[in-house]
């Protein structure tokens, strides 16, 4: 069963540019590590501190393998460190979804 990981980020609204740079890096890192990245979404109008990402996988097992590759990837580690050092992500929630089929 395919799963999509819905990630909800609460970000520092004064560091949106940093979060956007972080998200742009994932656009190449995530597919390289095996995720089917549907995209990242930034605040535009209204709420200024919530961003989203959607990444699909063939299964939960494929997601677990991806997480291992991501943590071993030099660019991925550097991007995680960038976020941690600059503290622009205040909270992160992951929800695992499945597509409703006929």
N, C-alpha and C. Protein backbone atom coordinates (compact mmCIF):
# COMPACT_ATOMS: atom_id res chain seq x y z
N UNK A 1 0.84 -1.18 0.00
CA UNK A 1 0.00 0.00 0.00
C UNK A 1 0.89 1.24 0.00
N UNK A 2 0.64 2.15 -0.92
CA UNK A 2 1.39 3.40 -0.99
C UNK A 2 0.96 4.33 0.15
N UNK A 3 1.94 5.09 0.64
CA UNK A 3 1.67 6.07 1.70
C UNK A 3 2.25 7.41 1.31
N UNK A 4 1.60 8.46 1.77
CA UNK A 4 2.11 9.81 1.59
C UNK A 4 2.31 10.41 2.97
N UNK A 5 3.50 10.97 3.17
CA UNK A 5 3.81 11.63 4.43
C UNK A 5 3.47 13.11 4.26
N UNK A 6 2.57 13.57 5.10
CA UNK A 6 2.17 14.98 5.14
C UNK A 6 2.92 15.61 6.30
N UNK A 7 3.79 16.56 6.01
CA UNK A 7 4.58 17.21 7.06
C UNK A 7 4.08 18.64 7.22
N UNK A 8 3.72 18.96 8.45
CA UNK A 8 3.28 20.32 8.79
C UNK A 8 4.38 20.94 9.65
N UNK A 9 4.89 22.06 9.16
CA UNK A 9 5.94 22.78 9.88
C UNK A 9 5.37 24.05 10.49
N UNK A 10 5.72 24.30 11.73
CA UNK A 10 5.51 25.62 12.30
C UNK A 10 6.88 26.28 12.24
N UNK A 11 6.95 27.40 11.52
CA UNK A 11 8.24 28.06 11.30
C UNK A 11 8.26 29.43 11.95
N UNK A 12 9.44 29.93 12.19
CA UNK A 12 9.61 31.30 12.69
C UNK A 12 9.27 32.23 11.53
N UNK A 13 8.23 33.07 11.66
CA UNK A 13 7.83 33.91 10.53
C UNK A 13 8.90 34.92 10.12
N UNK A 14 9.85 35.19 11.00
CA UNK A 14 10.92 36.13 10.67
C UNK A 14 12.09 35.43 9.98
N UNK A 15 11.99 34.10 9.84
CA UNK A 15 13.05 33.32 9.19
C UNK A 15 12.49 32.51 8.02
N UNK A 16 11.44 33.03 7.39
CA UNK A 16 10.83 32.31 6.26
C UNK A 16 11.82 32.08 5.13
N UNK A 17 12.69 33.04 4.86
CA UNK A 17 13.66 32.89 3.77
C UNK A 17 14.61 31.72 4.05
N UNK A 18 14.98 31.54 5.31
CA UNK A 18 15.83 30.40 5.67
C UNK A 18 15.09 29.08 5.45
N UNK A 19 13.82 29.04 5.85
CA UNK A 19 13.06 27.82 5.63
C UNK A 19 12.93 27.54 4.14
N UNK A 20 12.70 28.57 3.33
CA UNK A 20 12.57 28.35 1.89
C UNK A 20 13.87 27.81 1.30
N UNK A 21 15.02 28.30 1.74
CA UNK A 21 16.30 27.77 1.27
C UNK A 21 16.44 26.30 1.66
N UNK A 22 16.04 25.98 2.88
CA UNK A 22 16.04 24.60 3.39
C UNK A 22 15.15 23.72 2.50
N UNK A 23 13.94 24.18 2.22
CA UNK A 23 12.99 23.42 1.40
C UNK A 23 13.53 23.21 -0.01
N UNK A 24 14.13 24.23 -0.59
CA UNK A 24 14.68 24.11 -1.95
C UNK A 24 15.76 23.04 -2.03
N UNK A 25 16.56 22.92 -1.00
CA UNK A 25 17.59 21.87 -0.99
C UNK A 25 16.97 20.48 -1.02
N UNK A 26 15.84 20.31 -0.32
CA UNK A 26 15.19 19.00 -0.30
C UNK A 26 14.65 18.61 -1.68
N UNK A 27 14.42 19.57 -2.55
CA UNK A 27 13.85 19.26 -3.87
C UNK A 27 14.72 18.30 -4.67
N UNK A 28 16.03 18.30 -4.42
CA UNK A 28 16.91 17.35 -5.10
C UNK A 28 17.33 16.20 -4.18
N UNK A 29 17.46 16.48 -2.89
CA UNK A 29 17.94 15.46 -1.95
C UNK A 29 16.90 14.35 -1.77
N UNK A 30 15.65 14.72 -1.58
CA UNK A 30 14.61 13.71 -1.31
C UNK A 30 14.46 12.72 -2.46
N UNK A 31 14.34 13.17 -3.72
CA UNK A 31 14.24 12.19 -4.81
C UNK A 31 15.49 11.31 -4.94
N UNK A 32 16.66 11.90 -4.70
CA UNK A 32 17.91 11.13 -4.76
C UNK A 32 17.91 10.00 -3.73
N UNK A 33 17.25 10.21 -2.60
CA UNK A 33 17.23 9.22 -1.52
C UNK A 33 16.03 8.28 -1.61
N UNK A 34 15.17 8.46 -2.62
CA UNK A 34 14.08 7.50 -2.85
C UNK A 34 12.68 7.97 -2.55
N UNK A 35 12.49 9.24 -2.18
CA UNK A 35 11.15 9.76 -1.94
C UNK A 35 10.55 10.36 -3.20
N UNK A 36 9.26 10.20 -3.38
CA UNK A 36 8.54 10.83 -4.49
C UNK A 36 7.99 12.15 -3.95
N UNK A 37 8.78 13.20 -4.09
CA UNK A 37 8.44 14.50 -3.51
C UNK A 37 7.35 15.18 -4.33
N UNK A 38 6.20 15.41 -3.69
CA UNK A 38 5.12 16.14 -4.34
C UNK A 38 5.33 17.63 -4.22
N UNK A 39 6.06 18.07 -3.18
CA UNK A 39 6.43 19.46 -3.08
C UNK A 39 6.43 20.00 -1.67
N UNK A 40 6.93 21.22 -1.58
CA UNK A 40 6.91 22.03 -0.36
C UNK A 40 6.04 23.24 -0.63
N UNK A 41 5.32 23.68 0.38
CA UNK A 41 4.45 24.85 0.27
C UNK A 41 4.78 25.83 1.38
N UNK A 42 4.95 27.09 0.98
CA UNK A 42 5.30 28.18 1.90
C UNK A 42 4.08 29.04 2.17
N UNK A 43 4.07 29.74 3.32
CA UNK A 43 2.99 30.71 3.57
C UNK A 43 2.99 31.79 2.48
N UNK A 44 1.80 32.18 2.07
CA UNK A 44 1.68 33.23 1.05
C UNK A 44 0.79 34.36 1.56
N UNK A 45 -0.44 34.03 1.87
CA UNK A 45 -1.40 34.98 2.46
C UNK A 45 -1.96 34.35 3.72
N UNK A 46 -2.40 35.17 4.64
CA UNK A 46 -2.99 34.62 5.86
C UNK A 46 -1.92 34.22 6.85
N UNK A 47 -2.02 33.01 7.37
CA UNK A 47 -1.07 32.52 8.37
C UNK A 47 0.35 32.59 7.81
N UNK A 48 1.26 33.16 8.61
CA UNK A 48 2.61 33.36 8.11
C UNK A 48 3.65 32.42 8.73
N UNK A 49 3.20 31.44 9.51
CA UNK A 49 4.16 30.58 10.19
C UNK A 49 3.92 29.09 9.99
N UNK A 50 3.16 28.71 8.97
CA UNK A 50 2.87 27.31 8.70
C UNK A 50 3.29 26.98 7.26
N UNK A 51 4.06 25.90 7.12
CA UNK A 51 4.48 25.42 5.80
C UNK A 51 4.19 23.91 5.74
N UNK A 52 4.17 23.36 4.54
CA UNK A 52 3.83 21.95 4.36
C UNK A 52 4.75 21.28 3.35
N UNK A 53 4.85 19.96 3.47
CA UNK A 53 5.53 19.13 2.48
C UNK A 53 4.75 17.83 2.33
N UNK A 54 4.77 17.27 1.13
CA UNK A 54 4.14 15.98 0.85
C UNK A 54 5.14 15.10 0.11
N UNK A 55 5.37 13.89 0.65
CA UNK A 55 6.30 12.95 0.04
C UNK A 55 5.64 11.58 0.03
N UNK A 56 5.63 10.93 -1.13
CA UNK A 56 4.99 9.61 -1.25
C UNK A 56 6.03 8.50 -1.34
N UNK A 57 5.60 7.31 -0.89
CA UNK A 57 6.44 6.11 -0.89
C UNK A 57 5.57 4.91 -1.25
N UNK A 58 6.20 3.87 -1.78
CA UNK A 58 5.48 2.65 -2.14
C UNK A 58 4.88 1.96 -0.92
N UNK A 59 5.53 2.14 0.24
CA UNK A 59 5.08 1.44 1.45
C UNK A 59 5.77 2.08 2.65
N UNK A 60 5.34 1.69 3.85
CA UNK A 60 6.03 2.14 5.06
C UNK A 60 7.45 1.61 5.11
N UNK A 61 7.66 0.40 4.60
CA UNK A 61 9.02 -0.16 4.55
C UNK A 61 9.91 0.69 3.65
N UNK A 62 9.38 1.15 2.51
CA UNK A 62 10.15 2.01 1.61
C UNK A 62 10.46 3.34 2.29
N UNK A 63 9.53 3.84 3.08
CA UNK A 63 9.78 5.07 3.84
C UNK A 63 10.92 4.87 4.83
N UNK A 64 10.92 3.75 5.54
CA UNK A 64 11.98 3.48 6.51
C UNK A 64 13.34 3.38 5.83
N UNK A 65 13.41 2.75 4.67
CA UNK A 65 14.67 2.66 3.93
C UNK A 65 15.13 4.05 3.49
N UNK A 66 14.18 4.86 3.03
CA UNK A 66 14.47 6.24 2.63
C UNK A 66 15.06 7.03 3.80
N UNK A 67 14.47 6.89 4.99
CA UNK A 67 14.97 7.61 6.17
C UNK A 67 16.42 7.24 6.46
N UNK A 68 16.76 5.98 6.30
CA UNK A 68 18.14 5.56 6.49
C UNK A 68 19.08 6.18 5.47
N UNK A 69 18.66 6.19 4.20
CA UNK A 69 19.49 6.80 3.15
C UNK A 69 19.64 8.30 3.38
N UNK A 70 18.56 8.94 3.80
CA UNK A 70 18.57 10.38 4.05
C UNK A 70 19.56 10.75 5.15
N UNK A 71 19.57 9.98 6.23
CA UNK A 71 20.47 10.24 7.36
C UNK A 71 21.93 9.93 7.03
N UNK A 72 22.17 9.16 5.94
CA UNK A 72 23.53 8.84 5.53
C UNK A 72 24.02 9.76 4.40
N UNK A 73 23.12 10.56 3.85
CA UNK A 73 23.45 11.43 2.71
C UNK A 73 24.11 12.72 3.21
N UNK A 74 25.27 13.06 2.68
CA UNK A 74 26.00 14.25 3.12
C UNK A 74 25.18 15.53 2.98
N UNK A 75 24.50 15.70 1.84
CA UNK A 75 23.68 16.90 1.65
C UNK A 75 22.48 16.91 2.61
N UNK A 76 21.89 15.75 2.83
CA UNK A 76 20.77 15.66 3.77
C UNK A 76 21.20 16.01 5.19
N UNK A 77 22.33 15.47 5.62
CA UNK A 77 22.85 15.78 6.96
C UNK A 77 23.15 17.26 7.08
N UNK A 78 23.75 17.84 6.04
CA UNK A 78 24.06 19.28 6.07
C UNK A 78 22.78 20.11 6.17
N UNK A 79 21.71 19.68 5.49
CA UNK A 79 20.47 20.44 5.55
C UNK A 79 19.79 20.31 6.91
N UNK A 80 19.82 19.11 7.50
CA UNK A 80 19.30 18.94 8.86
C UNK A 80 20.08 19.85 9.83
N UNK A 81 21.40 19.87 9.68
CA UNK A 81 22.23 20.71 10.55
C UNK A 81 21.94 22.19 10.37
N UNK A 82 21.71 22.62 9.13
CA UNK A 82 21.36 24.01 8.83
C UNK A 82 20.10 24.40 9.59
N UNK A 83 19.09 23.52 9.57
CA UNK A 83 17.83 23.81 10.27
C UNK A 83 18.05 23.87 11.78
N UNK A 84 18.82 22.93 12.29
CA UNK A 84 19.05 22.89 13.73
C UNK A 84 19.85 24.11 14.21
N UNK A 85 20.86 24.48 13.47
CA UNK A 85 21.71 25.62 13.85
C UNK A 85 20.96 26.95 13.80
N UNK A 86 20.04 27.08 12.85
CA UNK A 86 19.34 28.35 12.66
C UNK A 86 17.97 28.41 13.31
N UNK A 87 17.47 27.29 13.78
CA UNK A 87 16.23 27.21 14.57
C UNK A 87 15.03 27.93 13.94
N UNK A 88 14.85 27.73 12.64
CA UNK A 88 13.69 28.35 11.98
C UNK A 88 12.48 27.43 11.99
N UNK A 89 12.67 26.14 12.30
CA UNK A 89 11.56 25.21 12.46
C UNK A 89 11.25 25.12 13.95
N UNK A 90 10.06 25.56 14.34
CA UNK A 90 9.67 25.56 15.75
C UNK A 90 9.00 24.25 16.15
N UNK A 91 8.30 23.63 15.20
CA UNK A 91 7.63 22.34 15.44
C UNK A 91 7.42 21.66 14.10
N UNK A 92 7.36 20.34 14.14
CA UNK A 92 7.17 19.54 12.92
C UNK A 92 6.27 18.37 13.25
N UNK A 93 5.22 18.18 12.44
CA UNK A 93 4.28 17.08 12.64
C UNK A 93 4.25 16.24 11.37
N UNK A 94 4.23 14.92 11.53
CA UNK A 94 4.14 14.01 10.39
C UNK A 94 2.86 13.20 10.50
N UNK A 95 2.13 13.17 9.41
CA UNK A 95 0.93 12.35 9.31
C UNK A 95 1.09 11.43 8.10
N UNK A 96 0.82 10.15 8.28
CA UNK A 96 0.93 9.18 7.19
C UNK A 96 -0.45 8.94 6.62
N UNK A 97 -0.58 9.18 5.33
CA UNK A 97 -1.88 9.10 4.66
C UNK A 97 -1.87 8.03 3.59
N UNK A 98 -3.04 7.49 3.30
CA UNK A 98 -3.21 6.61 2.15
C UNK A 98 -4.29 7.21 1.27
N UNK A 99 -4.14 7.00 -0.02
CA UNK A 99 -5.09 7.53 -0.99
C UNK A 99 -6.37 6.71 -0.96
N UNK A 100 -7.50 7.37 -1.03
CA UNK A 100 -8.79 6.70 -1.11
C UNK A 100 -8.98 6.25 -2.55
N UNK A 101 -9.20 4.98 -2.72
CA UNK A 101 -9.37 4.38 -4.06
C UNK A 101 -10.80 3.88 -4.23
N UNK A 102 -11.24 3.83 -5.47
CA UNK A 102 -12.57 3.30 -5.78
C UNK A 102 -12.59 1.81 -5.63
